[in-house]
Amino acid sequence: MRNNVRYILIFPGVVLLCFFLVLPLLSSLIPTFFPRNSFSFQLYSEFFKDSYFMRVLWRTLVNSFYCNTDMCSVGIACILCYIWSF
């Protein structure tokens, strides 16, 4: 009985996650693989061949790394301050 309650409590979150994350992601990715009603990697090959897009992609990945590193550092600092306050 106790395990069933866990699944019942998790179900609304999973439904919301699928509705607001997975469905929009799939609705934006599927057309890129079927540009003219046939499966193709043409759009991706054009994207990765263009030097401008590669610079933008690289800059985005570097900025994401720095932002995630900063957020983890702040989180660890908050946890350590909380632990050491006792």
N, C-alpha and C. Protein backbone atom coordinates (compact mmCIF):
# COMPACT_ATOMS: atom_id res chain seq x y z
N MET A 1 0.82 -1.20 0.00
CA MET A 1 0.00 0.00 0.00
C MET A 1 0.86 1.26 0.00
N ARG A 2 1.94 1.22 0.75
CA ARG A 2 2.79 2.39 0.88
C ARG A 2 3.47 2.75 -0.44
N ASN A 3 3.89 1.74 -1.21
CA ASN A 3 4.51 2.01 -2.50
C ASN A 3 3.52 2.60 -3.49
N ASN A 4 2.26 2.18 -3.42
CA ASN A 4 1.25 2.73 -4.32
C ASN A 4 1.02 4.21 -4.08
N VAL A 5 1.11 4.64 -2.84
CA VAL A 5 0.92 6.05 -2.51
C VAL A 5 2.04 6.88 -3.14
N ARG A 6 3.25 6.37 -3.15
CA ARG A 6 4.37 7.09 -3.77
C ARG A 6 4.12 7.31 -5.25
N TYR A 7 3.67 6.28 -5.93
CA TYR A 7 3.41 6.40 -7.37
C TYR A 7 2.26 7.36 -7.65
N ILE A 8 1.26 7.34 -6.80
CA ILE A 8 0.13 8.25 -6.98
C ILE A 8 0.57 9.69 -6.79
N LEU A 9 1.48 9.94 -5.85
CA LEU A 9 1.97 11.29 -5.61
C LEU A 9 2.91 11.77 -6.72
N ILE A 10 3.65 10.86 -7.33
CA ILE A 10 4.59 11.22 -8.38
C ILE A 10 3.88 11.44 -9.71
N PHE A 11 2.75 10.79 -9.94
CA PHE A 11 2.07 10.82 -11.23
C PHE A 11 1.75 12.23 -11.74
N PRO A 12 1.19 13.15 -10.94
CA PRO A 12 0.91 14.50 -11.48
C PRO A 12 2.17 15.23 -11.93
N GLY A 13 3.25 15.06 -11.21
CA GLY A 13 4.50 15.71 -11.61
C GLY A 13 5.03 15.16 -12.92
N VAL A 14 4.92 13.85 -13.10
CA VAL A 14 5.37 13.24 -14.34
C VAL A 14 4.52 13.71 -15.52
N VAL A 15 3.22 13.80 -15.31
CA VAL A 15 2.33 14.27 -16.37
C VAL A 15 2.67 15.72 -16.74
N LEU A 16 2.86 16.57 -15.76
CA LEU A 16 3.21 17.97 -16.04
C LEU A 16 4.56 18.07 -16.73
N LEU A 17 5.52 17.28 -16.30
CA LEU A 17 6.84 17.28 -16.92
C LEU A 17 6.75 16.87 -18.38
N CYS A 18 6.00 15.84 -18.66
CA CYS A 18 5.83 15.39 -20.05
C CYS A 18 5.12 16.46 -20.87
N PHE A 19 4.10 17.06 -20.31
CA PHE A 19 3.31 18.04 -21.05
C PHE A 19 4.09 19.31 -21.35
N PHE A 20 4.84 19.81 -20.38
CA PHE A 20 5.52 21.09 -20.55
C PHE A 20 6.99 20.98 -20.96
N LEU A 21 7.58 19.78 -20.96
CA LEU A 21 8.98 19.64 -21.34
C LEU A 21 9.16 18.73 -22.55
N VAL A 22 8.64 17.53 -22.46
CA VAL A 22 8.88 16.53 -23.51
C VAL A 22 8.11 16.87 -24.78
N LEU A 23 6.85 17.20 -24.68
CA LEU A 23 6.06 17.49 -25.88
C LEU A 23 6.58 18.70 -26.65
N PRO A 24 6.90 19.83 -26.02
CA PRO A 24 7.48 20.94 -26.79
C PRO A 24 8.84 20.60 -27.40
N LEU A 25 9.64 19.82 -26.67
CA LEU A 25 10.94 19.43 -27.19
C LEU A 25 10.78 18.57 -28.44
N LEU A 26 9.89 17.60 -28.39
CA LEU A 26 9.66 16.75 -29.56
C LEU A 26 9.03 17.52 -30.70
N SER A 27 8.13 18.44 -30.39
CA SER A 27 7.48 19.21 -31.46
C SER A 27 8.45 20.15 -32.16
N SER A 28 9.55 20.50 -31.52
CA SER A 28 10.55 21.33 -32.19
C SER A 28 11.66 20.50 -32.83
N LEU A 29 11.91 19.28 -32.36
CA LEU A 29 12.96 18.45 -32.95
C LEU A 29 12.50 17.64 -34.15
N ILE A 30 11.30 17.13 -34.13
CA ILE A 30 10.82 16.27 -35.21
C ILE A 30 10.85 16.97 -36.57
N PRO A 31 10.41 18.22 -36.69
CA PRO A 31 10.47 18.87 -38.01
C PRO A 31 11.90 19.04 -38.55
N THR A 32 12.89 19.06 -37.68
CA THR A 32 14.26 19.21 -38.18
C THR A 32 14.76 17.94 -38.85
N PHE A 33 14.19 16.80 -38.51
CA PHE A 33 14.58 15.54 -39.15
C PHE A 33 13.76 15.26 -40.40
N PHE A 34 12.63 15.93 -40.57
CA PHE A 34 11.75 15.72 -41.73
C PHE A 34 11.47 17.05 -42.42
N PRO A 35 12.49 17.68 -43.03
CA PRO A 35 12.27 19.01 -43.62
C PRO A 35 11.33 18.99 -44.83
N ARG A 36 11.41 17.95 -45.64
CA ARG A 36 10.55 17.87 -46.84
C ARG A 36 9.84 16.52 -46.88
N ASN A 37 9.24 16.14 -45.78
CA ASN A 37 8.49 14.89 -45.64
C ASN A 37 9.33 13.64 -45.89
N SER A 38 10.64 13.74 -45.71
CA SER A 38 11.51 12.57 -45.77
C SER A 38 12.61 12.75 -44.73
N PHE A 39 13.05 11.64 -44.17
CA PHE A 39 14.06 11.70 -43.11
C PHE A 39 15.39 12.19 -43.68
N SER A 40 16.00 13.16 -42.99
CA SER A 40 17.24 13.73 -43.47
C SER A 40 17.99 14.41 -42.33
N PHE A 41 19.33 14.36 -42.43
CA PHE A 41 20.19 15.10 -41.51
C PHE A 41 20.72 16.37 -42.17
N GLN A 42 20.09 16.79 -43.24
CA GLN A 42 20.58 17.92 -44.04
C GLN A 42 20.69 19.20 -43.21
N LEU A 43 19.68 19.51 -42.42
CA LEU A 43 19.71 20.74 -41.62
C LEU A 43 20.83 20.71 -40.60
N TYR A 44 21.08 19.53 -40.01
CA TYR A 44 22.17 19.42 -39.03
C TYR A 44 23.53 19.50 -39.70
N SER A 45 23.67 18.93 -40.88
CA SER A 45 24.96 19.01 -41.57
C SER A 45 25.26 20.45 -41.98
N GLU A 46 24.23 21.19 -42.40
CA GLU A 46 24.42 22.61 -42.72
C GLU A 46 24.80 23.41 -41.48
N PHE A 47 24.18 23.07 -40.37
CA PHE A 47 24.46 23.78 -39.12
C PHE A 47 25.92 23.57 -38.70
N PHE A 48 26.39 22.34 -38.73
CA PHE A 48 27.74 22.05 -38.25
C PHE A 48 28.82 22.43 -39.25
N LYS A 49 28.48 22.70 -40.49
CA LYS A 49 29.47 23.14 -41.47
C LYS A 49 29.70 24.64 -41.41
N ASP A 50 28.74 25.39 -40.93
CA ASP A 50 28.84 26.84 -40.90
C ASP A 50 29.69 27.28 -39.70
N SER A 51 30.73 28.05 -39.97
CA SER A 51 31.65 28.46 -38.89
C SER A 51 30.98 29.42 -37.90
N TYR A 52 30.07 30.25 -38.38
CA TYR A 52 29.38 31.18 -37.48
C TYR A 52 28.58 30.42 -36.43
N PHE A 53 27.81 29.44 -36.86
CA PHE A 53 27.00 28.66 -35.93
C PHE A 53 27.88 27.86 -34.97
N MET A 54 29.01 27.40 -35.43
CA MET A 54 29.92 26.66 -34.54
C MET A 54 30.49 27.57 -33.47
N ARG A 55 30.82 28.82 -33.85
CA ARG A 55 31.31 29.77 -32.84
C ARG A 55 30.22 30.06 -31.80
N VAL A 56 29.00 30.23 -32.27
CA VAL A 56 27.89 30.50 -31.35
C VAL A 56 27.65 29.30 -30.44
N LEU A 57 27.69 28.10 -31.01
CA LEU A 57 27.52 26.88 -30.21
C LEU A 57 28.62 26.76 -29.17
N TRP A 58 29.86 27.00 -29.56
CA TRP A 58 30.99 26.91 -28.62
C TRP A 58 30.83 27.95 -27.50
N ARG A 59 30.47 29.18 -27.87
CA ARG A 59 30.28 30.23 -26.87
C ARG A 59 29.16 29.87 -25.90
N THR A 60 28.09 29.27 -26.42
CA THR A 60 26.98 28.85 -25.57
C THR A 60 27.41 27.77 -24.60
N LEU A 61 28.18 26.79 -25.08
CA LEU A 61 28.64 25.71 -24.19
C LEU A 61 29.59 26.24 -23.12
N VAL A 62 30.47 27.15 -23.48
CA VAL A 62 31.41 27.72 -22.50
C VAL A 62 30.64 28.52 -21.45
N ASN A 63 29.69 29.35 -21.88
CA ASN A 63 28.90 30.13 -20.93
C ASN A 63 28.07 29.23 -20.02
N SER A 64 27.53 28.16 -20.57
CA SER A 64 26.77 27.22 -19.75
C SER A 64 27.66 26.57 -18.70
N PHE A 65 28.87 26.22 -19.10
CA PHE A 65 29.81 25.63 -18.14
C PHE A 65 30.10 26.60 -17.01
N TYR A 66 30.39 27.86 -17.34
CA TYR A 66 30.70 28.84 -16.30
C TYR A 66 29.51 29.11 -15.40
N CYS A 67 28.32 29.21 -15.98
CA CYS A 67 27.13 29.46 -15.16
C CYS A 67 26.84 28.29 -14.22
N ASN A 68 26.96 27.07 -14.73
CA ASN A 68 26.72 25.91 -13.89
C ASN A 68 27.77 25.79 -12.79
N THR A 69 29.01 26.08 -13.13
CA THR A 69 30.08 26.05 -12.12
C THR A 69 29.82 27.09 -11.03
N ASP A 70 29.42 28.29 -11.44
CA ASP A 70 29.12 29.34 -10.46
C ASP A 70 27.95 28.94 -9.57
N MET A 71 26.89 28.42 -10.16
CA MET A 71 25.72 28.03 -9.36
C MET A 71 26.05 26.91 -8.39
N CYS A 72 26.85 25.95 -8.83
CA CYS A 72 27.26 24.86 -7.92
C CYS A 72 28.13 25.41 -6.80
N SER A 73 29.00 26.35 -7.11
CA SER A 73 29.86 26.95 -6.08
C SER A 73 29.03 27.69 -5.04
N VAL A 74 28.03 28.43 -5.49
CA VAL A 74 27.16 29.16 -4.56
C VAL A 74 26.37 28.17 -3.71
N GLY A 75 25.87 27.10 -4.33
CA GLY A 75 25.13 26.10 -3.57
C GLY A 75 25.99 25.42 -2.52
N ILE A 76 27.21 25.07 -2.90
CA ILE A 76 28.13 24.42 -1.94
C ILE A 76 28.47 25.40 -0.83
N ALA A 77 28.68 26.67 -1.17
CA ALA A 77 28.99 27.67 -0.13
C ALA A 77 27.83 27.83 0.84
N CYS A 78 26.61 27.82 0.34
CA CYS A 78 25.43 27.94 1.21
C CYS A 78 25.31 26.73 2.14
N ILE A 79 25.56 25.54 1.59
CA ILE A 79 25.50 24.33 2.41
C ILE A 79 26.57 24.35 3.49
N LEU A 80 27.78 24.75 3.12
CA LEU A 80 28.86 24.81 4.11
C LEU A 80 28.58 25.85 5.19
N CYS A 81 28.04 26.99 4.82
CA CYS A 81 27.70 28.01 5.82
C CYS A 81 26.62 27.50 6.76
N TYR A 82 25.66 26.77 6.22
CA TYR A 82 24.60 26.21 7.06
C TYR A 82 25.16 25.17 8.03
N ILE A 83 26.05 24.32 7.52
CA ILE A 83 26.64 23.28 8.38
C ILE A 83 27.51 23.90 9.45
N TRP A 84 28.33 24.89 9.08
CA TRP A 84 29.25 25.47 10.05
C TRP A 84 28.58 26.43 11.02
N SER A 85 27.32 26.77 10.79
CA SER A 85 26.65 27.68 11.70
C SER A 85 26.24 27.01 13.01
N PHE A 86 26.30 25.68 13.05
CA PHE A 86 25.92 24.97 14.27
C PHE A 86 27.04 24.88 15.20
